[in-house]
Amino acid sequence: MDWNMIWTLIDPRLLIVVAACWIIGNMLKRTPHVPDWSIVYIVVVFAVLLTAWLLGWGPESLIQGILSGAFAVLGHQFVKQAKNGADQA
């Protein structure tokens, strides 16, 4: 699966949701007493709620919210792992 295919799955109006999720995830990562395993759940719930607020509640909003939150987490992990790989090389 390539990035272009993923971009076609997410509504372009929701790029702000992806950016907001990335910021929220980074803030949560730096917050003491927030376990790392819970960050993905918090980010996805935030994305679903924000997407429902922007597009209205419905099955499409739920799916788009999950995709937006997951894409933010995937993007963060992609950048993090690429940086870790570059540091080890």
N, C-alpha and C. Protein backbone atom coordinates (compact mmCIF):
# COMPACT_ATOMS: atom_id res chain seq x y z
N MET A 1 0.85 -1.17 0.00
CA MET A 1 0.00 0.00 0.00
C MET A 1 0.90 1.24 0.00
N ASP A 2 0.66 2.15 -0.91
CA ASP A 2 1.49 3.35 -0.96
C ASP A 2 0.71 4.55 -0.39
N TRP A 3 1.43 5.65 -0.17
CA TRP A 3 0.85 6.84 0.47
C TRP A 3 -0.26 7.45 -0.37
N ASN A 4 -0.15 7.40 -1.69
CA ASN A 4 -1.20 7.98 -2.54
C ASN A 4 -2.53 7.29 -2.34
N MET A 5 -2.49 6.00 -2.16
CA MET A 5 -3.73 5.26 -1.92
C MET A 5 -4.35 5.66 -0.59
N ILE A 6 -3.52 5.84 0.43
CA ILE A 6 -4.02 6.25 1.74
C ILE A 6 -4.63 7.65 1.65
N TRP A 7 -3.96 8.56 0.93
CA TRP A 7 -4.49 9.93 0.79
C TRP A 7 -5.85 9.94 0.12
N THR A 8 -6.11 9.00 -0.78
CA THR A 8 -7.41 8.97 -1.45
C THR A 8 -8.51 8.47 -0.51
N LEU A 9 -8.14 7.77 0.55
CA LEU A 9 -9.14 7.26 1.50
C LEU A 9 -9.63 8.34 2.46
N ILE A 10 -8.79 9.33 2.74
CA ILE A 10 -9.14 10.37 3.72
C ILE A 10 -9.67 11.59 2.98
N ASP A 11 -10.81 12.08 3.44
CA ASP A 11 -11.42 13.28 2.88
C ASP A 11 -10.44 14.46 3.03
N PRO A 12 -10.15 15.18 1.96
CA PRO A 12 -9.19 16.29 2.03
C PRO A 12 -9.57 17.35 3.07
N ARG A 13 -10.85 17.48 3.38
CA ARG A 13 -11.28 18.45 4.38
C ARG A 13 -10.76 18.09 5.77
N LEU A 14 -10.30 16.86 5.94
CA LEU A 14 -9.89 16.38 7.26
C LEU A 14 -8.38 16.43 7.49
N LEU A 15 -7.65 17.06 6.61
CA LEU A 15 -6.21 17.19 6.83
C LEU A 15 -5.93 17.98 8.11
N ILE A 16 -6.81 18.91 8.44
CA ILE A 16 -6.66 19.65 9.70
C ILE A 16 -6.86 18.72 10.89
N VAL A 17 -7.70 17.72 10.76
CA VAL A 17 -7.90 16.74 11.83
C VAL A 17 -6.63 15.92 12.01
N VAL A 18 -6.01 15.51 10.90
CA VAL A 18 -4.76 14.75 10.98
C VAL A 18 -3.69 15.58 11.68
N ALA A 19 -3.58 16.85 11.29
CA ALA A 19 -2.58 17.73 11.92
C ALA A 19 -2.87 17.92 13.41
N ALA A 20 -4.14 18.11 13.75
CA ALA A 20 -4.51 18.29 15.16
C ALA A 20 -4.21 17.02 15.96
N CYS A 21 -4.47 15.87 15.36
CA CYS A 21 -4.18 14.60 16.04
C CYS A 21 -2.69 14.42 16.27
N TRP A 22 -1.89 14.82 15.30
CA TRP A 22 -0.44 14.73 15.43
C TRP A 22 0.03 15.59 16.61
N ILE A 23 -0.51 16.80 16.71
CA ILE A 23 -0.15 17.71 17.80
C ILE A 23 -0.61 17.16 19.14
N ILE A 24 -1.85 16.70 19.21
CA ILE A 24 -2.39 16.12 20.45
C ILE A 24 -1.54 14.92 20.88
N GLY A 25 -1.19 14.06 19.93
CA GLY A 25 -0.36 12.89 20.24
C GLY A 25 0.99 13.29 20.80
N ASN A 26 1.62 14.29 20.20
CA ASN A 26 2.91 14.76 20.70
C ASN A 26 2.77 15.35 22.10
N MET A 27 1.71 16.10 22.33
CA MET A 27 1.49 16.67 23.67
C MET A 27 1.27 15.56 24.70
N LEU A 28 0.49 14.55 24.33
CA LEU A 28 0.24 13.45 25.26
C LEU A 28 1.51 12.66 25.54
N LYS A 29 2.35 12.50 24.52
CA LYS A 29 3.60 11.76 24.70
C LYS A 29 4.50 12.44 25.72
N ARG A 30 4.44 13.76 25.79
CA ARG A 30 5.28 14.53 26.71
C ARG A 30 4.62 14.75 28.07
N THR A 31 3.37 14.30 28.22
CA THR A 31 2.64 14.50 29.46
C THR A 31 2.92 13.35 30.42
N PRO A 32 3.39 13.66 31.63
CA PRO A 32 3.61 12.60 32.61
C PRO A 32 2.28 11.91 32.98
N HIS A 33 2.36 10.69 33.34
CA HIS A 33 1.23 9.90 33.82
C HIS A 33 0.24 9.52 32.72
N VAL A 34 0.59 9.73 31.46
CA VAL A 34 -0.22 9.24 30.34
C VAL A 34 0.54 8.08 29.74
N PRO A 35 0.03 6.86 29.93
CA PRO A 35 0.75 5.69 29.41
C PRO A 35 0.81 5.72 27.87
N ASP A 36 1.95 5.31 27.34
CA ASP A 36 2.13 5.32 25.89
C ASP A 36 1.06 4.52 25.16
N TRP A 37 0.65 3.39 25.74
CA TRP A 37 -0.32 2.53 25.06
C TRP A 37 -1.68 3.23 24.90
N SER A 38 -1.98 4.21 25.74
CA SER A 38 -3.30 4.86 25.68
C SER A 38 -3.35 6.00 24.67
N ILE A 39 -2.20 6.46 24.21
CA ILE A 39 -2.17 7.63 23.32
C ILE A 39 -2.91 7.36 22.03
N VAL A 40 -2.72 6.21 21.44
CA VAL A 40 -3.40 5.90 20.17
C VAL A 40 -4.91 5.92 20.34
N TYR A 41 -5.41 5.42 21.45
CA TYR A 41 -6.86 5.41 21.69
C TYR A 41 -7.39 6.83 21.87
N ILE A 42 -6.67 7.63 22.63
CA ILE A 42 -7.09 9.02 22.86
C ILE A 42 -7.09 9.79 21.55
N VAL A 43 -6.07 9.61 20.74
CA VAL A 43 -5.96 10.32 19.47
C VAL A 43 -7.10 9.92 18.53
N VAL A 44 -7.41 8.64 18.45
CA VAL A 44 -8.47 8.18 17.56
C VAL A 44 -9.84 8.68 18.03
N VAL A 45 -10.09 8.64 19.33
CA VAL A 45 -11.37 9.16 19.84
C VAL A 45 -11.48 10.66 19.55
N PHE A 46 -10.40 11.40 19.76
CA PHE A 46 -10.38 12.82 19.44
C PHE A 46 -10.67 13.04 17.96
N ALA A 47 -10.06 12.24 17.10
CA ALA A 47 -10.26 12.37 15.65
C ALA A 47 -11.70 12.09 15.27
N VAL A 48 -12.29 11.06 15.85
CA VAL A 48 -13.69 10.73 15.53
C VAL A 48 -14.61 11.86 15.98
N LEU A 49 -14.39 12.38 17.18
CA LEU A 49 -15.24 13.47 17.67
C LEU A 49 -15.08 14.74 16.82
N LEU A 50 -13.85 15.08 16.48
CA LEU A 50 -13.61 16.27 15.67
C LEU A 50 -14.19 16.10 14.26
N THR A 51 -14.05 14.91 13.70
CA THR A 51 -14.61 14.64 12.37
C THR A 51 -16.13 14.71 12.40
N ALA A 52 -16.74 14.15 13.43
CA ALA A 52 -18.20 14.21 13.56
C ALA A 52 -18.67 15.66 13.70
N TRP A 53 -17.89 16.47 14.40
CA TRP A 53 -18.24 17.89 14.55
C TRP A 53 -18.14 18.61 13.20
N LEU A 54 -17.12 18.26 12.41
CA LEU A 54 -16.92 18.93 11.13
C LEU A 54 -17.88 18.46 10.04
N LEU A 55 -18.13 17.15 9.98
CA LEU A 55 -18.92 16.57 8.89
C LEU A 55 -20.34 16.18 9.29
N GLY A 56 -20.63 16.19 10.58
CA GLY A 56 -21.91 15.67 11.06
C GLY A 56 -21.77 14.20 11.40
N TRP A 57 -22.59 13.75 12.33
CA TRP A 57 -22.46 12.37 12.80
C TRP A 57 -23.03 11.39 11.78
N GLY A 58 -22.33 10.30 11.58
CA GLY A 58 -22.78 9.25 10.67
C GLY A 58 -21.69 8.23 10.49
N PRO A 59 -22.00 7.16 9.79
CA PRO A 59 -21.01 6.10 9.58
C PRO A 59 -19.76 6.60 8.85
N GLU A 60 -19.94 7.49 7.87
CA GLU A 60 -18.79 8.01 7.15
C GLU A 60 -17.87 8.82 8.07
N SER A 61 -18.46 9.59 8.98
CA SER A 61 -17.66 10.37 9.93
C SER A 61 -16.87 9.45 10.85
N LEU A 62 -17.49 8.39 11.28
CA LEU A 62 -16.81 7.42 12.13
C LEU A 62 -15.61 6.82 11.41
N ILE A 63 -15.82 6.37 10.19
CA ILE A 63 -14.74 5.76 9.41
C ILE A 63 -13.66 6.79 9.10
N GLN A 64 -14.06 7.99 8.67
CA GLN A 64 -13.08 9.03 8.36
C GLN A 64 -12.30 9.45 9.60
N GLY A 65 -12.96 9.50 10.75
CA GLY A 65 -12.27 9.84 11.99
C GLY A 65 -11.24 8.80 12.38
N ILE A 66 -11.61 7.55 12.25
CA ILE A 66 -10.67 6.47 12.56
C ILE A 66 -9.48 6.52 11.60
N LEU A 67 -9.76 6.72 10.31
CA LEU A 67 -8.67 6.81 9.34
C LEU A 67 -7.76 8.01 9.62
N SER A 68 -8.35 9.14 9.96
CA SER A 68 -7.55 10.34 10.24
C SER A 68 -6.66 10.14 11.46
N GLY A 69 -7.23 9.60 12.53
CA GLY A 69 -6.44 9.33 13.74
C GLY A 69 -5.36 8.30 13.49
N ALA A 70 -5.71 7.25 12.78
CA ALA A 70 -4.73 6.21 12.48
C ALA A 70 -3.62 6.74 11.57
N PHE A 71 -3.98 7.58 10.63
CA PHE A 71 -2.98 8.15 9.73
C PHE A 71 -2.01 9.06 10.49
N ALA A 72 -2.53 9.80 11.47
CA ALA A 72 -1.66 10.66 12.29
C ALA A 72 -0.67 9.80 13.09
N VAL A 73 -1.17 8.73 13.69
CA VAL A 73 -0.30 7.85 14.48
C VAL A 73 0.70 7.15 13.56
N LEU A 74 0.23 6.66 12.41
CA LEU A 74 1.12 6.00 11.45
C LEU A 74 2.19 6.96 10.95
N GLY A 75 1.80 8.18 10.64
CA GLY A 75 2.76 9.17 10.17
C GLY A 75 3.81 9.49 11.21
N HIS A 76 3.37 9.62 12.46
CA HIS A 76 4.32 9.89 13.54
C HIS A 76 5.30 8.73 13.70
N GLN A 77 4.80 7.52 13.69
CA GLN A 77 5.66 6.35 13.82
C GLN A 77 6.61 6.22 12.63
N PHE A 78 6.13 6.55 11.45
CA PHE A 78 6.97 6.49 10.26
C PHE A 78 8.15 7.45 10.39
N VAL A 79 7.88 8.67 10.80
CA VAL A 79 8.94 9.67 10.97
C VAL A 79 9.88 9.24 12.09
N LYS A 80 9.33 8.77 13.20
CA LYS A 80 10.14 8.36 14.34
C LYS A 80 11.07 7.19 13.98
N GLN A 81 10.51 6.19 13.31
CA GLN A 81 11.31 5.02 12.95
C GLN A 81 12.35 5.35 11.89
N ALA A 82 12.00 6.24 10.96
CA ALA A 82 12.98 6.66 9.95
C ALA A 82 14.13 7.40 10.62
N LYS A 83 13.81 8.24 11.59
CA LYS A 83 14.86 8.98 12.30
C LYS A 83 15.73 8.01 13.11
N ASN A 84 15.10 7.05 13.79
CA ASN A 84 15.86 6.06 14.56
C ASN A 84 16.76 5.24 13.63
N GLY A 85 16.26 4.88 12.46
CA GLY A 85 17.08 4.13 11.51
C GLY A 85 18.25 4.94 11.00
N ALA A 86 18.01 6.23 10.78
CA ALA A 86 19.10 7.10 10.29
C ALA A 86 20.14 7.30 11.38
N ASP A 87 19.72 7.37 12.64
CA ASP A 87 20.66 7.53 13.75
C ASP A 87 21.53 6.29 13.94
N GLN A 88 20.98 5.13 13.64
CA GLN A 88 21.72 3.87 13.82
C GLN A 88 22.67 3.59 12.67
N ALA A 89 22.42 4.20 11.52
CA ALA A 89 23.25 3.92 10.34
C ALA A 89 24.58 4.62 10.39
